[in-house]
Amino acid sequence: MSSTLLSPLDGRASLDTAEVAEVTGYTQKTIRKYARLGLIPGAYQPFGKRGGWRFKRAPFQKWWEKMGK
């Protein structure tokens, strides 16, 4: 896991699909699929069904830590 992406010092409240893919090691396609299926807590589409995915930092980080990663 890249600690720089999840550093509390960067102050961002959410991550995009590419950042989550980098942290997890999964492809962006897999991240989008998991988000669509509701498997990643804090995933949302701010611009509706045709928009990109965003991931709320705190729920994502808790989920990823719970996964043992």
C-alpha atoms as a PDB file:
ATOM      1  CA  MET A   1       0.000   0.000   0.000  1.00  0.00           C
ATOM      2  CA  SER A   2       1.302   3.418  -0.838  1.00  0.00           C
ATOM      3  CA  SER A   3       1.387   5.369   2.400  1.00  0.00           C
ATOM      4  CA  THR A   4       1.755   8.671   0.544  1.00  0.00           C
ATOM      5  CA  LEU A   5      -1.697   8.313  -1.038  1.00  0.00           C
ATOM      6  CA  LEU A   6      -3.322   7.736   2.326  1.00  0.00           C
ATOM      7  CA  SER A   7      -1.277  10.281   4.239  1.00  0.00           C
ATOM      8  CA  PRO A   8      -3.520  12.328   6.525  1.00  0.00           C
ATOM      9  CA  LEU A   9      -1.369  15.319   5.630  1.00  0.00           C
ATOM     10  CA  ASP A  10      -2.621  15.602   2.056  1.00  0.00           C
ATOM     11  CA  GLY A  11      -6.038  16.656   3.394  1.00  0.00           C
ATOM     12  CA  ARG A  12      -8.197  15.216   0.624  1.00  0.00           C
ATOM     13  CA  ALA A  13     -11.532  13.722   1.641  1.00  0.00           C
ATOM     14  CA  SER A  14     -11.730  11.317  -1.293  1.00  0.00           C
ATOM     15  CA  LEU A  15      -9.670   9.341  -3.783  1.00  0.00           C
ATOM     16  CA  ASP A  16     -10.299   8.616  -7.451  1.00  0.00           C
ATOM     17  CA  THR A  17     -10.316   5.230  -9.168  1.00  0.00           C
ATOM     18  CA  ALA A  18      -6.678   5.446 -10.273  1.00  0.00           C
ATOM     19  CA  GLU A  19      -5.501   6.209  -6.730  1.00  0.00           C
ATOM     20  CA  VAL A  20      -7.510   3.355  -5.231  1.00  0.00           C
ATOM     21  CA  ALA A  21      -6.147   1.020  -7.916  1.00  0.00           C
ATOM     22  CA  GLU A  22      -2.601   2.074  -7.064  1.00  0.00           C
ATOM     23  CA  VAL A  23      -3.137   1.538  -3.333  1.00  0.00           C
ATOM     24  CA  THR A  24      -4.821  -1.853  -3.715  1.00  0.00           C
ATOM     25  CA  GLY A  25      -2.868  -3.222  -6.665  1.00  0.00           C
ATOM     26  CA  TYR A  26      -6.138  -4.012  -8.463  1.00  0.00           C
ATOM     27  CA  THR A  27      -6.863  -2.706 -11.947  1.00  0.00           C
ATOM     28  CA  GLN A  28      -9.086   0.345 -12.403  1.00  0.00           C
ATOM     29  CA  LYS A  29     -11.605  -1.906 -14.141  1.00  0.00           C
ATOM     30  CA  THR A  30     -11.761  -4.147 -11.047  1.00  0.00           C
ATOM     31  CA  ILE A  31     -12.115  -1.127  -8.745  1.00  0.00           C
ATOM     32  CA  ARG A  32     -15.040   0.175 -10.828  1.00  0.00           C
ATOM     33  CA  LYS A  33     -16.669  -3.278 -10.753  1.00  0.00           C
ATOM     34  CA  TYR A  34     -16.267  -3.605  -6.971  1.00  0.00           C
ATOM     35  CA  ALA A  35     -17.648  -0.088  -6.494  1.00  0.00           C
ATOM     36  CA  ARG A  36     -20.648  -0.832  -8.709  1.00  0.00           C
ATOM     37  CA  LEU A  37     -21.328  -4.026  -6.718  1.00  0.00           C
ATOM     38  CA  GLY A  38     -21.120  -2.134  -3.431  1.00  0.00           C
ATOM     39  CA  LEU A  39     -18.048  -4.001  -2.231  1.00  0.00           C
ATOM     40  CA  ILE A  40     -15.965  -0.913  -1.421  1.00  0.00           C
ATOM     41  CA  PRO A  41     -17.381   1.238   1.389  1.00  0.00           C
ATOM     42  CA  GLY A  42     -17.547   4.949   0.680  1.00  0.00           C
ATOM     43  CA  ALA A  43     -17.740   4.574  -3.114  1.00  0.00           C
ATOM     44  CA  TYR A  44     -19.949   7.100  -4.873  1.00  0.00           C
ATOM     45  CA  GLN A  45     -20.510   8.720  -8.256  1.00  0.00           C
ATOM     46  CA  PRO A  46     -20.774  12.482  -7.752  1.00  0.00           C
ATOM     47  CA  PHE A  47     -22.069  13.080 -11.284  1.00  0.00           C
ATOM     48  CA  GLY A  48     -24.499  10.169 -11.563  1.00  0.00           C
ATOM     49  CA  LYS A  49     -24.359   6.756 -13.197  1.00  0.00           C
ATOM     50  CA  ARG A  50     -22.292   7.895 -16.159  1.00  0.00           C
ATOM     51  CA  GLY A  51     -19.732   9.731 -14.047  1.00  0.00           C
ATOM     52  CA  GLY A  52     -16.524   8.463 -12.557  1.00  0.00           C
ATOM     53  CA  TRP A  53     -16.189   6.923  -9.130  1.00  0.00           C
ATOM     54  CA  ARG A  54     -14.843   8.614  -6.017  1.00  0.00           C
ATOM     55  CA  PHE A  55     -14.041   6.902  -2.732  1.00  0.00           C
ATOM     56  CA  LYS A  56     -14.430   8.561   0.647  1.00  0.00           C
ATOM     57  CA  ARG A  57     -11.042   8.313   2.272  1.00  0.00           C
ATOM     58  CA  ALA A  58     -11.973   7.210   5.822  1.00  0.00           C
ATOM     59  CA  PRO A  59     -14.373   4.353   4.901  1.00  0.00           C
ATOM     60  CA  PHE A  60     -12.015   3.142   2.168  1.00  0.00           C
ATOM     61  CA  GLN A  61      -8.994   3.193   4.466  1.00  0.00           C
ATOM     62  CA  LYS A  62     -10.835   1.327   7.244  1.00  0.00           C
ATOM     63  CA  TRP A  63     -12.038  -1.281   4.738  1.00  0.00           C
ATOM     64  CA  TRP A  64      -8.570  -1.744   3.265  1.00  0.00           C
ATOM     65  CA  GLU A  65      -6.984  -2.111   6.711  1.00  0.00           C
ATOM     66  CA  LYS A  66      -9.705  -4.618   7.686  1.00  0.00           C
ATOM     67  CA  MET A  67      -8.798  -6.599   4.574  1.00  0.00           C
ATOM     68  CA  GLY A  68      -5.362  -7.002   6.153  1.00  0.00           C
ATOM     69  CA  LYS A  69      -3.558  -4.935   3.577  1.00  0.00           C
END
